[in-house]
Amino acid sequence: RTTGAGAAVLDAADRFERSLAAADRLKPLL
Protein backbone atom coordinates (compact mmCIF):
# COMPACT_ATOMS: atom_id res chain seq x y z
CA ARG A 1 0.00 0.00 0.00
CA THR A 2 1.12 3.60 -0.44
CA THR A 3 2.91 5.42 2.32
CA GLY A 4 2.09 9.04 3.09
CA ALA A 5 4.80 10.12 0.67
CA GLY A 6 3.51 7.67 -1.92
CA ALA A 7 0.00 9.09 -1.67
CA ALA A 8 1.40 12.61 -2.11
CA VAL A 9 3.39 11.56 -5.19
CA LEU A 10 0.31 9.83 -6.60
CA ASP A 11 -1.77 12.98 -6.13
CA ALA A 12 0.94 15.02 -7.87
CA ALA A 13 1.00 12.58 -10.78
CA ASP A 14 -2.80 12.74 -11.01
CA ARG A 15 -2.63 16.55 -11.16
CA PHE A 16 0.06 16.39 -13.82
CA GLU A 17 -1.99 14.10 -16.03
CA ARG A 18 -5.08 16.26 -15.56
CA SER A 19 -3.02 19.38 -16.34
CA LEU A 20 -1.85 17.83 -19.61
CA ALA A 21 -5.43 16.94 -20.50
CA ALA A 22 -6.59 20.46 -19.61
CA ALA A 23 -3.80 22.11 -21.61
CA ASP A 24 -4.89 20.15 -24.66
CA ARG A 25 -8.59 20.85 -24.08
CA LEU A 26 -8.10 24.57 -23.35
CA LYS A 27 -5.68 25.20 -26.21
CA PRO A 28 -8.00 27.65 -28.04
CA LEU A 29 -8.47 29.62 -24.83
CA LEU A 30 -4.81 29.56 -23.76
mmCIF file of all heavy atoms, coordinates in Angstrom:
data_MODEL
# 
_entry.id   MODEL 
# 
loop_
_atom_site.group_PDB 
_atom_site.id 
_atom_site.type_symbol 
_atom_site.label_atom_id 
_atom_site.label_alt_id 
_atom_site.label_comp_id 
_atom_site.label_asym_id 
_atom_site.label_entity_id 
_atom_site.label_seq_id 
_atom_site.pdbx_PDB_ins_code 
_atom_site.Cartn_x 
_atom_site.Cartn_y 
_atom_site.Cartn_z 
_atom_site.occupancy 
_atom_site.B_iso_or_equiv 
_atom_site.pdbx_formal_charge 
_atom_site.auth_seq_id 
_atom_site.auth_comp_id 
_atom_site.auth_asym_id 
_atom_site.auth_atom_id 
_atom_site.pdbx_PDB_model_num 
ATOM 1   N N   . ARG A 1 1  ? 0.857   -1.186 0.000   1.00 0.00 ? 1  ARG A N   1 
ATOM 2   C CA  . ARG A 1 1  ? 0.000   0.000  0.000   1.00 0.00 ? 1  ARG A CA  1 
ATOM 3   C C   . ARG A 1 1  ? 0.893   1.236  0.000   1.00 0.00 ? 1  ARG A C   1 
ATOM 4   O O   . ARG A 1 1  ? 2.082   1.161  0.347   1.00 0.00 ? 1  ARG A O   1 
ATOM 5   C CB  . ARG A 1 1  ? -0.912  0.020  1.222   1.00 0.00 ? 1  ARG A CB  1 
ATOM 6   C CG  . ARG A 1 1  ? -0.170  0.200  2.557   1.00 0.00 ? 1  ARG A CG  1 
ATOM 7   C CD  . ARG A 1 1  ? -1.130  0.143  3.714   1.00 0.00 ? 1  ARG A CD  1 
ATOM 8   N NE  . ARG A 1 1  ? -0.430  0.322  4.990   1.00 0.00 ? 1  ARG A NE  1 
ATOM 9   C CZ  . ARG A 1 1  ? -0.982  0.118  6.179   1.00 0.00 ? 1  ARG A CZ  1 
ATOM 10  N NH1 . ARG A 1 1  ? -2.253  -0.297 6.239   1.00 0.00 ? 1  ARG A NH1 1 
ATOM 11  N NH2 . ARG A 1 1  ? -0.291  0.320  7.291   1.00 0.00 ? 1  ARG A NH2 1 
ATOM 12  N N   . THR A 1 2  ? 0.332   2.365  -0.385  1.00 0.00 ? 2  THR A N   1 
ATOM 13  C CA  . THR A 1 2  ? 1.119   3.597  -0.444  1.00 0.00 ? 2  THR A CA  1 
ATOM 14  C C   . THR A 1 2  ? 1.410   4.105  0.962   1.00 0.00 ? 2  THR A C   1 
ATOM 15  O O   . THR A 1 2  ? 0.598   3.983  1.877   1.00 0.00 ? 2  THR A O   1 
ATOM 16  C CB  . THR A 1 2  ? 0.368   4.701  -1.202  1.00 0.00 ? 2  THR A CB  1 
ATOM 17  O OG1 . THR A 1 2  ? -0.924  4.893  -0.604  1.00 0.00 ? 2  THR A OG1 1 
ATOM 18  C CG2 . THR A 1 2  ? 0.208   4.361  -2.669  1.00 0.00 ? 2  THR A CG2 1 
ATOM 19  N N   . THR A 1 3  ? 2.586   4.678  1.115   1.00 0.00 ? 3  THR A N   1 
ATOM 20  C CA  . THR A 1 3  ? 2.914   5.423  2.323   1.00 0.00 ? 3  THR A CA  1 
ATOM 21  C C   . THR A 1 3  ? 2.324   6.833  2.191   1.00 0.00 ? 3  THR A C   1 
ATOM 22  O O   . THR A 1 3  ? 1.726   7.176  1.166   1.00 0.00 ? 3  THR A O   1 
ATOM 23  C CB  . THR A 1 3  ? 4.433   5.523  2.492   1.00 0.00 ? 3  THR A CB  1 
ATOM 24  O OG1 . THR A 1 3  ? 4.973   6.238  1.357   1.00 0.00 ? 3  THR A OG1 1 
ATOM 25  C CG2 . THR A 1 3  ? 5.069   4.145  2.560   1.00 0.00 ? 3  THR A CG2 1 
ATOM 26  N N   . GLY A 1 4  ? 2.532   7.654  3.207   1.00 0.00 ? 4  GLY A N   1 
ATOM 27  C CA  . GLY A 1 4  ? 2.089   9.039  3.094   1.00 0.00 ? 4  GLY A CA  1 
ATOM 28  C C   . GLY A 1 4  ? 2.764   9.750  1.940   1.00 0.00 ? 4  GLY A C   1 
ATOM 29  O O   . GLY A 1 4  ? 2.122   10.475 1.168   1.00 0.00 ? 4  GLY A O   1 
ATOM 30  N N   . ALA A 1 5  ? 4.077   9.510  1.787   1.00 0.00 ? 5  ALA A N   1 
ATOM 31  C CA  . ALA A 1 5  ? 4.801   10.124 0.672   1.00 0.00 ? 5  ALA A CA  1 
ATOM 32  C C   . ALA A 1 5  ? 4.311   9.566  -0.658  1.00 0.00 ? 5  ALA A C   1 
ATOM 33  O O   . ALA A 1 5  ? 4.195   10.302 -1.647  1.00 0.00 ? 5  ALA A O   1 
ATOM 34  C CB  . ALA A 1 5  ? 6.306   9.873  0.826   1.00 0.00 ? 5  ALA A CB  1 
ATOM 35  N N   . GLY A 1 6  ? 4.005   8.279  -0.687  1.00 0.00 ? 6  GLY A N   1 
ATOM 36  C CA  . GLY A 1 6  ? 3.512   7.675  -1.922  1.00 0.00 ? 6  GLY A CA  1 
ATOM 37  C C   . GLY A 1 6  ? 2.180   8.254  -2.338  1.00 0.00 ? 6  GLY A C   1 
ATOM 38  O O   . GLY A 1 6  ? 1.930   8.490  -3.529  1.00 0.00 ? 6  GLY A O   1 
ATOM 39  N N   . ALA A 1 7  ? 1.299   8.493  -1.358  1.00 0.00 ? 7  ALA A N   1 
ATOM 40  C CA  . ALA A 1 7  ? 0.004   9.089  -1.666  1.00 0.00 ? 7  ALA A CA  1 
ATOM 41  C C   . ALA A 1 7  ? 0.177   10.503 -2.214  1.00 0.00 ? 7  ALA A C   1 
ATOM 42  O O   . ALA A 1 7  ? -0.518  10.919 -3.143  1.00 0.00 ? 7  ALA A O   1 
ATOM 43  C CB  . ALA A 1 7  ? -0.877  9.104  -0.422  1.00 0.00 ? 7  ALA A CB  1 
ATOM 44  N N   . ALA A 1 8  ? 1.147   11.243 -1.632  1.00 0.00 ? 8  ALA A N   1 
ATOM 45  C CA  . ALA A 1 8  ? 1.401   12.607 -2.110  1.00 0.00 ? 8  ALA A CA  1 
ATOM 46  C C   . ALA A 1 8  ? 1.935   12.600 -3.539  1.00 0.00 ? 8  ALA A C   1 
ATOM 47  O O   . ALA A 1 8  ? 1.532   13.419 -4.372  1.00 0.00 ? 8  ALA A O   1 
ATOM 48  C CB  . ALA A 1 8  ? 2.391   13.309 -1.182  1.00 0.00 ? 8  ALA A CB  1 
ATOM 49  N N   . VAL A 1 9  ? 2.853   11.667 -3.833  1.00 0.00 ? 9  VAL A N   1 
ATOM 50  C CA  . VAL A 1 9  ? 3.389   11.558 -5.190  1.00 0.00 ? 9  VAL A CA  1 
ATOM 51  C C   . VAL A 1 9  ? 2.291   11.157 -6.167  1.00 0.00 ? 9  VAL A C   1 
ATOM 52  O O   . VAL A 1 9  ? 2.210   11.669 -7.288  1.00 0.00 ? 9  VAL A O   1 
ATOM 53  C CB  . VAL A 1 9  ? 4.552   10.545 -5.225  1.00 0.00 ? 9  VAL A CB  1 
ATOM 54  C CG1 . VAL A 1 9  ? 4.899   10.166 -6.654  1.00 0.00 ? 9  VAL A CG1 1 
ATOM 55  C CG2 . VAL A 1 9  ? 5.780   11.124 -4.523  1.00 0.00 ? 9  VAL A CG2 1 
ATOM 56  N N   . LEU A 1 10 ? 1.410   10.255 -5.738  1.00 0.00 ? 10 LEU A N   1 
ATOM 57  C CA  . LEU A 1 10 ? 0.305   9.829  -6.598  1.00 0.00 ? 10 LEU A CA  1 
ATOM 58  C C   . LEU A 1 10 ? -0.626  10.999 -6.909  1.00 0.00 ? 10 LEU A C   1 
ATOM 59  O O   . LEU A 1 10 ? -1.047  11.178 -8.057  1.00 0.00 ? 10 LEU A O   1 
ATOM 60  C CB  . LEU A 1 10 ? -0.463  8.705  -5.920  1.00 0.00 ? 10 LEU A CB  1 
ATOM 61  C CG  . LEU A 1 10 ? -1.673  8.137  -6.674  1.00 0.00 ? 10 LEU A CG  1 
ATOM 62  C CD1 . LEU A 1 10 ? -1.270  7.634  -8.047  1.00 0.00 ? 10 LEU A CD1 1 
ATOM 63  C CD2 . LEU A 1 10 ? -2.323  7.026  -5.860  1.00 0.00 ? 10 LEU A CD2 1 
ATOM 64  N N   . ASP A 1 11 ? -0.920  11.804 -5.902  1.00 0.00 ? 11 ASP A N   1 
ATOM 65  C CA  . ASP A 1 11 ? -1.767  12.981 -6.127  1.00 0.00 ? 11 ASP A CA  1 
ATOM 66  C C   . ASP A 1 11 ? -1.110  13.946 -7.106  1.00 0.00 ? 11 ASP A C   1 
ATOM 67  O O   . ASP A 1 11 ? -1.769  14.523 -7.973  1.00 0.00 ? 11 ASP A O   1 
ATOM 68  C CB  . ASP A 1 11 ? -2.053  13.688 -4.806  1.00 0.00 ? 11 ASP A CB  1 
ATOM 69  C CG  . ASP A 1 11 ? -3.021  12.912 -3.927  1.00 0.00 ? 11 ASP A CG  1 
ATOM 70  O OD1 . ASP A 1 11 ? -3.719  12.033 -4.459  1.00 0.00 ? 11 ASP A OD1 1 
ATOM 71  O OD2 . ASP A 1 11 ? -3.066  13.185 -2.705  1.00 0.00 ? 11 ASP A OD2 1 
ATOM 72  N N   . ALA A 1 12 ? 0.214   14.128 -6.957  1.00 0.00 ? 12 ALA A N   1 
ATOM 73  C CA  . ALA A 1 12 ? 0.938   15.022 -7.867  1.00 0.00 ? 12 ALA A CA  1 
ATOM 74  C C   . ALA A 1 12 ? 0.907   14.489 -9.295  1.00 0.00 ? 12 ALA A C   1 
ATOM 75  O O   . ALA A 1 12 ? 0.739   15.257 -10.253 1.00 0.00 ? 12 ALA A O   1 
ATOM 76  C CB  . ALA A 1 12 ? 2.381   15.194 -7.394  1.00 0.00 ? 12 ALA A CB  1 
ATOM 77  N N   . ALA A 1 13 ? 1.052   13.179 -9.440  1.00 0.00 ? 13 ALA A N   1 
ATOM 78  C CA  . ALA A 1 13 ? 0.999   12.578 -10.775 1.00 0.00 ? 13 ALA A CA  1 
ATOM 79  C C   . ALA A 1 13 ? -0.398  12.714 -11.378 1.00 0.00 ? 13 ALA A C   1 
ATOM 80  O O   . ALA A 1 13 ? -0.547  12.975 -12.579 1.00 0.00 ? 13 ALA A O   1 
ATOM 81  C CB  . ALA A 1 13 ? 1.404   11.106 -10.697 1.00 0.00 ? 13 ALA A CB  1 
ATOM 82  N N   . ASP A 1 14 ? -1.423  12.559 -10.525 1.00 0.00 ? 14 ASP A N   1 
ATOM 83  C CA  . ASP A 1 14 ? -2.802  12.740 -11.008 1.00 0.00 ? 14 ASP A CA  1 
ATOM 84  C C   . ASP A 1 14 ? -2.999  14.167 -11.520 1.00 0.00 ? 14 ASP A C   1 
ATOM 85  O O   . ASP A 1 14 ? -3.599  14.386 -12.581 1.00 0.00 ? 14 ASP A O   1 
ATOM 86  C CB  . ASP A 1 14 ? -3.800  12.458 -9.893  1.00 0.00 ? 14 ASP A CB  1 
ATOM 87  C CG  . ASP A 1 14 ? -3.915  10.977 -9.576  1.00 0.00 ? 14 ASP A CG  1 
ATOM 88  O OD1 . ASP A 1 14 ? -3.501  10.155 -10.420 1.00 0.00 ? 14 ASP A OD1 1 
ATOM 89  O OD2 . ASP A 1 14 ? -4.414  10.638 -8.487  1.00 0.00 ? 14 ASP A OD2 1 
ATOM 90  N N   . ARG A 1 15 ? -2.496  15.149 -10.753 1.00 0.00 ? 15 ARG A N   1 
ATOM 91  C CA  . ARG A 1 15 ? -2.633  16.550 -11.162 1.00 0.00 ? 15 ARG A CA  1 
ATOM 92  C C   . ARG A 1 15 ? -1.893  16.809 -12.459 1.00 0.00 ? 15 ARG A C   1 
ATOM 93  O O   . ARG A 1 15 ? -2.372  17.556 -13.330 1.00 0.00 ? 15 ARG A O   1 
ATOM 94  C CB  . ARG A 1 15 ? -2.116  17.482 -10.069 1.00 0.00 ? 15 ARG A CB  1 
ATOM 95  C CG  . ARG A 1 15 ? -3.020  17.592 -8.852  1.00 0.00 ? 15 ARG A CG  1 
ATOM 96  C CD  . ARG A 1 15 ? -2.639  18.782 -7.996  1.00 0.00 ? 15 ARG A CD  1 
ATOM 97  N NE  . ARG A 1 15 ? -1.280  18.686 -7.494  1.00 0.00 ? 15 ARG A NE  1 
ATOM 98  C CZ  . ARG A 1 15 ? -0.936  18.058 -6.385  1.00 0.00 ? 15 ARG A CZ  1 
ATOM 99  N NH1 . ARG A 1 15 ? -1.863  17.449 -5.653  1.00 0.00 ? 15 ARG A NH1 1 
ATOM 100 N NH2 . ARG A 1 15 ? 0.312   18.029 -5.982  1.00 0.00 ? 15 ARG A NH2 1 
ATOM 101 N N   . PHE A 1 16 ? -0.725  16.205 -12.598 1.00 0.00 ? 16 PHE A N   1 
ATOM 102 C CA  . PHE A 1 16 ? 0.065   16.391 -13.815 1.00 0.00 ? 16 PHE A CA  1 
ATOM 103 C C   . PHE A 1 16 ? -0.692  15.865 -15.031 1.00 0.00 ? 16 PHE A C   1 
ATOM 104 O O   . PHE A 1 16 ? -0.784  16.547 -16.059 1.00 0.00 ? 16 PHE A O   1 
ATOM 105 C CB  . PHE A 1 16 ? 1.410   15.681 -13.673 1.00 0.00 ? 16 PHE A CB  1 
ATOM 106 C CG  . PHE A 1 16 ? 2.278   15.771 -14.897 1.00 0.00 ? 16 PHE A CG  1 
ATOM 107 C CD1 . PHE A 1 16 ? 2.880   16.974 -15.240 1.00 0.00 ? 16 PHE A CD1 1 
ATOM 108 C CD2 . PHE A 1 16 ? 2.480   14.670 -15.708 1.00 0.00 ? 16 PHE A CD2 1 
ATOM 109 C CE1 . PHE A 1 16 ? 3.674   17.070 -16.376 1.00 0.00 ? 16 PHE A CE1 1 
ATOM 110 C CE2 . PHE A 1 16 ? 3.278   14.751 -16.839 1.00 0.00 ? 16 PHE A CE2 1 
ATOM 111 C CZ  . PHE A 1 16 ? 3.875   15.962 -17.170 1.00 0.00 ? 16 PHE A CZ  1 
ATOM 112 N N   . GLU A 1 17 ? -1.252  14.678 -14.910 1.00 0.00 ? 17 GLU A N   1 
ATOM 113 C CA  . GLU A 1 17 ? -1.987  14.102 -16.035 1.00 0.00 ? 17 GLU A CA  1 
ATOM 114 C C   . GLU A 1 17 ? -3.219  14.937 -16.365 1.00 0.00 ? 17 GLU A C   1 
ATOM 115 O O   . GLU A 1 17 ? -3.548  15.143 -17.536 1.00 0.00 ? 17 GLU A O   1 
ATOM 116 C CB  . GLU A 1 17 ? -2.377  12.658 -15.719 1.00 0.00 ? 17 GLU A CB  1 
ATOM 117 C CG  . GLU A 1 17 ? -1.198  11.698 -15.694 1.00 0.00 ? 17 GLU A CG  1 
ATOM 118 C CD  . GLU A 1 17 ? -1.636  10.250 -15.697 1.00 0.00 ? 17 GLU A CD  1 
ATOM 119 O OE1 . GLU A 1 17 ? -2.809  9.978  -15.337 1.00 0.00 ? 17 GLU A OE1 1 
ATOM 120 O OE2 . GLU A 1 17 ? -0.822  9.380  -16.065 1.00 0.00 ? 17 GLU A OE2 1 
ATOM 121 N N   . ARG A 1 18 ? -3.910  15.428 -15.331 1.00 0.00 ? 18 ARG A N   1 
ATOM 122 C CA  . ARG A 1 18 ? -5.076  16.265 -15.565 1.00 0.00 ? 18 ARG A CA  1 
ATOM 123 C C   . ARG A 1 18 ? -4.664  17.607 -16.168 1.00 0.00 ? 18 ARG A C   1 
ATOM 124 O O   . ARG A 1 18 ? -5.397  18.168 -16.985 1.00 0.00 ? 18 ARG A O   1 
ATOM 125 C CB  . ARG A 1 18 ? -5.858  16.477 -14.259 1.00 0.00 ? 18 ARG A CB  1 
ATOM 126 C CG  . ARG A 1 18 ? -6.580  15.219 -13.797 1.00 0.00 ? 18 ARG A CG  1 
ATOM 127 C CD  . ARG A 1 18 ? -7.368  15.466 -12.516 1.00 0.00 ? 18 ARG A CD  1 
ATOM 128 N NE  . ARG A 1 18 ? -8.419  16.453 -12.695 1.00 0.00 ? 18 ARG A NE  1 
ATOM 129 C CZ  . ARG A 1 18 ? -9.604  16.192 -13.207 1.00 0.00 ? 18 ARG A CZ  1 
ATOM 130 N NH1 . ARG A 1 18 ? -9.896  14.962 -13.634 1.00 0.00 ? 18 ARG A NH1 1 
ATOM 131 N NH2 . ARG A 1 18 ? -10.523 17.136 -13.315 1.00 0.00 ? 18 ARG A NH2 1 
ATOM 132 N N   . SER A 1 19 ? -3.512  18.121 -15.767 1.00 0.00 ? 19 SER A N   1 
ATOM 133 C CA  . SER A 1 19 ? -3.020  19.380 -16.341 1.00 0.00 ? 19 SER A CA  1 
ATOM 134 C C   . SER A 1 19 ? -2.718  19.216 -17.818 1.00 0.00 ? 19 SER A C   1 
ATOM 135 O O   . SER A 1 19 ? -3.017  20.108 -18.627 1.00 0.00 ? 19 SER A O   1 
ATOM 136 C CB  . SER A 1 19 ? -1.776  19.857 -15.597 1.00 0.00 ? 19 SER A CB  1 
ATOM 137 O OG  . SER A 1 19 ? -2.078  20.220 -14.265 1.00 0.00 ? 19 SER A OG  1 
ATOM 138 N N   . LEU A 1 20 ? -2.121  18.084 -18.188 1.00 0.00 ? 20 LEU A N   1 
ATOM 139 C CA  . LEU A 1 20 ? -1.850  17.831 -19.605 1.00 0.00 ? 20 LEU A CA  1 
ATOM 140 C C   . LEU A 1 20 ? -3.155  17.746 -20.395 1.00 0.00 ? 20 LEU A C   1 
ATOM 141 O O   . LEU A 1 20 ? -3.269  18.301 -21.494 1.00 0.00 ? 20 LEU A O   1 
ATOM 142 C CB  . LEU A 1 20 ? -1.060  16.530 -19.762 1.00 0.00 ? 20 LEU A CB  1 
ATOM 143 C CG  . LEU A 1 20 ? 0.398   16.536 -19.287 1.00 0.00 ? 20 LEU A CG  1 
ATOM 144 C CD1 . LEU A 1 20 ? 1.025   15.168 -19.529 1.00 0.00 ? 20 LEU A CD1 1 
ATOM 145 C CD2 . LEU A 1 20 ? 1.199   17.615 -19.996 1.00 0.00 ? 20 LEU A CD2 1 
ATOM 146 N N   . ALA A 1 21 ? -4.138  17.052 -19.821 1.00 0.00 ? 21 ALA A N   1 
ATOM 147 C CA  . ALA A 1 21 ? -5.431  16.938 -20.499 1.00 0.00 ? 21 ALA A CA  1 
ATOM 148 C C   . ALA A 1 21 ? -6.086  18.306 -20.635 1.00 0.00 ? 21 ALA A C   1 
ATOM 149 O O   . ALA A 1 21 ? -6.654  18.634 -21.678 1.00 0.00 ? 21 ALA A O   1 
ATOM 150 C CB  . ALA A 1 21 ? -6.341  15.988 -19.723 1.00 0.00 ? 21 ALA A CB  1 
ATOM 151 N N   . ALA A 1 22 ? -5.985  19.127 -19.576 1.00 0.00 ? 22 ALA A N   1 
ATOM 152 C CA  . ALA A 1 22 ? -6.590  20.457 -19.613 1.00 0.00 ? 22 ALA A CA  1 
ATOM 153 C C   . ALA A 1 22 ? -5.878  21.359 -20.605 1.00 0.00 ? 22 ALA A C   1 
ATOM 154 O O   . ALA A 1 22 ? -6.514  22.147 -21.313 1.00 0.00 ? 22 ALA A O   1 
ATOM 155 C CB  . ALA A 1 22 ? -6.556  21.075 -18.219 1.00 0.00 ? 22 ALA A CB  1 
ATOM 156 N N   . ALA A 1 23 ? -4.552  21.272 -20.663 1.00 0.00 ? 23 ALA A N   1 
ATOM 157 C CA  . ALA A 1 23 ? -3.800  22.106 -21.610 1.00 0.00 ? 23 ALA A CA  1 
ATOM 158 C C   . ALA A 1 23 ? -4.206  21.798 -23.037 1.00 0.00 ? 23 ALA A C   1 
ATOM 159 O O   . ALA A 1 23 ? -4.319  22.704 -23.878 1.00 0.00 ? 23 ALA A O   1 
ATOM 160 C CB  . ALA A 1 23 ? -2.299  21.878 -21.425 1.00 0.00 ? 23 ALA A CB  1 
ATOM 161 N N   . ASP A 1 24 ? -4.451  20.527 -23.319 1.00 0.00 ? 24 ASP A N   1 
ATOM 162 C CA  . ASP A 1 24 ? -4.889  20.148 -24.656 1.00 0.00 ? 24 ASP A CA  1 
ATOM 163 C C   . ASP A 1 24 ? -6.317  20.631 -24.918 1.00 0.00 ? 24 ASP A C   1 
ATOM 164 O O   . ASP A 1 24 ? -6.622  21.173 -25.981 1.00 0.00 ? 24 ASP A O   1 
ATOM 165 C CB  . ASP A 1 24 ? -4.805  18.630 -24.807 1.00 0.00 ? 24 ASP A CB  1 
ATOM 166 C CG  . ASP A 1 24 ? -5.112  18.178 -26.222 1.00 0.00 ? 24 ASP A CG  1 
ATOM 167 O OD1 . ASP A 1 24 ? -4.435  18.639 -27.157 1.00 0.00 ? 24 ASP A OD1 1 
ATOM 168 O OD2 . ASP A 1 24 ? -6.034  17.347 -26.399 1.00 0.00 ? 24 ASP A OD2 1 
ATOM 169 N N   . ARG A 1 25 ? -7.185  20.463 -23.922 1.00 0.00 ? 25 ARG A N   1 
ATOM 170 C CA  . ARG A 1 25 ? -8.588  20.849 -24.076 1.00 0.00 ? 25 ARG A CA  1 
ATOM 171 C C   . ARG A 1 25 ? -8.736  22.365 -24.203 1.00 0.00 ? 25 ARG A C   1 
ATOM 172 O O   . ARG A 1 25 ? -9.537  22.869 -24.994 1.00 0.00 ? 25 ARG A O   1 
ATOM 173 C CB  . ARG A 1 25 ? -9.395  20.331 -22.882 1.00 0.00 ? 25 ARG A CB  1 
ATOM 174 C CG  . ARG A 1 25 ? -10.872 20.668 -22.941 1.00 0.00 ? 25 ARG A CG  1 
ATOM 175 C CD  . ARG A 1 25 ? -11.580 20.158 -21.698 1.00 0.00 ? 25 ARG A CD  1 
ATOM 176 N NE  . ARG A 1 25 ? -11.644 18.712 -21.677 1.00 0.00 ? 25 ARG A NE  1 
ATOM 177 C CZ  . ARG A 1 25 ? -12.653 18.006 -22.166 1.00 0.00 ? 25 ARG A CZ  1 
ATOM 178 N NH1 . ARG A 1 25 ? -13.674 18.625 -22.736 1.00 0.00 ? 25 ARG A NH1 1 
ATOM 179 N NH2 . ARG A 1 25 ? -12.662 16.694 -22.102 1.00 0.00 ? 25 ARG A NH2 1 
ATOM 180 N N   . LEU A 1 26 ? -7.953  23.119 -23.407 1.00 0.00 ? 26 LEU A N   1 
ATOM 181 C CA  . LEU A 1 26 ? -8.099  24.572 -23.353 1.00 0.00 ? 26 LEU A CA  1 
ATOM 182 C C   . LEU A 1 26 ? -7.208  25.300 -24.354 1.00 0.00 ? 26 LEU A C   1 
ATOM 183 O O   . LEU A 1 26 ? -7.081  26.524 -24.292 1.00 0.00 ? 26 LEU A O   1 
ATOM 184 C CB  . LEU A 1 26 ? -7.772  25.092 -21.953 1.00 0.00 ? 26 LEU A CB  1 
ATOM 185 C CG  . LEU A 1 26 ? -8.932  25.185 -20.962 1.00 0.00 ? 26 LEU A CG  1 
ATOM 186 C CD1 . LEU A 1 26 ? -9.506  23.803 -20.658 1.00 0.00 ? 26 LEU A CD1 1 
ATOM 187 C CD2 . LEU A 1 26 ? -8.498  25.852 -19.667 1.00 0.00 ? 26 LEU A CD2 1 
ATOM 188 N N   . LYS A 1 27 ? -6.614  24.584 -25.272 1.00 0.00 ? 27 LYS A N   1 
ATOM 189 C CA  . LYS A 1 27 ? -5.677  25.197 -26.211 1.00 0.00 ? 27 LYS A CA  1 
ATOM 190 C C   . LYS A 1 27 ? -6.243  26.441 -26.894 1.00 0.00 ? 27 LYS A C   1 
ATOM 191 O O   . LYS A 1 27 ? -5.560  27.466 -26.978 1.00 0.00 ? 27 LYS A O   1 
ATOM 192 C CB  . LYS A 1 27 ? -5.220  24.166 -27.248 1.00 0.00 ? 27 LYS A CB  1 
ATOM 193 C CG  . LYS A 1 27 ? -4.024  24.626 -28.081 1.00 0.00 ? 27 LYS A CG  1 
ATOM 194 C CD  . LYS A 1 27 ? -3.581  23.510 -29.016 1.00 0.00 ? 27 LYS A CD  1 
ATOM 195 C CE  . LYS A 1 27 ? -3.105  22.306 -28.232 1.00 0.00 ? 27 LYS A CE  1 
ATOM 196 N NZ  . LYS A 1 27 ? -2.628  21.218 -29.122 1.00 0.00 ? 27 LYS A NZ  1 
ATOM 197 N N   . PRO A 1 28 ? -7.483  26.433 -27.404 1.00 0.00 ? 28 PRO A N   1 
ATOM 198 C CA  . PRO A 1 28 ? -8.004  27.650 -28.043 1.00 0.00 ? 28 PRO A CA  1 
ATOM 199 C C   . PRO A 1 28 ? -8.082  28.836 -27.088 1.00 0.00 ? 28 PRO A C   1 
ATOM 200 O O   . PRO A 1 28 ? -7.875  29.980 -27.491 1.00 0.00 ? 28 PRO A O   1 
ATOM 201 C CB  . PRO A 1 28 ? -9.403  27.225 -28.512 1.00 0.00 ? 28 PRO A CB  1 
ATOM 202 C CG  . PRO A 1 28 ? -9.345  25.734 -28.594 1.00 0.00 ? 28 PRO A CG  1 
ATOM 203 C CD  . PRO A 1 28 ? -8.433  25.310 -27.495 1.00 0.00 ? 28 PRO A CD  1 
ATOM 204 N N   . LEU A 1 29 ? -8.379  28.548 -25.822 1.00 0.00 ? 29 LEU A N   1 
ATOM 205 C CA  . LEU A 1 29 ? -8.473  29.623 -24.830 1.00 0.00 ? 29 LEU A CA  1 
ATOM 206 C C   . LEU A 1 29 ? -7.098  30.118 -24.419 1.00 0.00 ? 29 LEU A C   1 
ATOM 207 O O   . LEU A 1 29 ? -6.878  31.327 -24.259 1.00 0.00 ? 29 LEU A O   1 
ATOM 208 C CB  . LEU A 1 29 ? -9.240  29.138 -23.604 1.00 0.00 ? 29 LEU A CB  1 
ATOM 209 C CG  . LEU A 1 29 ? -9.339  30.131 -22.448 1.00 0.00 ? 29 LEU A CG  1 
ATOM 210 C CD1 . LEU A 1 29 ? -10.320 31.247 -22.798 1.00 0.00 ? 29 LEU A CD1 1 
ATOM 211 C CD2 . LEU A 1 29 ? -9.770  29.432 -21.166 1.00 0.00 ? 29 LEU A CD2 1 
ATOM 212 N N   . LEU A 1 30 ? -6.146  29.200 -24.250 1.00 0.00 ? 30 LEU A N   1 
ATOM 213 C CA  . LEU A 1 30 ? -4.815  29.559 -23.761 1.00 0.00 ? 30 LEU A CA  1 
ATOM 214 C C   . LEU A 1 30 ? -4.040  30.424 -24.747 1.00 0.00 ? 30 LEU A C   1 
ATOM 215 O O   . LEU A 1 30 ? -3.042  31.039 -24.368 1.00 0.00 ? 30 LEU A O   1 
ATOM 216 C CB  . LEU A 1 30 ? -4.019  28.297 -23.428 1.00 0.00 ? 30 LEU A CB  1 
ATOM 217 C CG  . LEU A 1 30 ? -4.562  27.472 -22.254 1.00 0.00 ? 30 LEU A CG  1 
ATOM 218 C CD1 . LEU A 1 30 ? -3.779  26.175 -22.100 1.00 0.00 ? 30 LEU A CD1 1 
ATOM 219 C CD2 . LEU A 1 30 ? -4.518  28.274 -20.969 1.00 0.00 ? 30 LEU A CD2 1 
# 
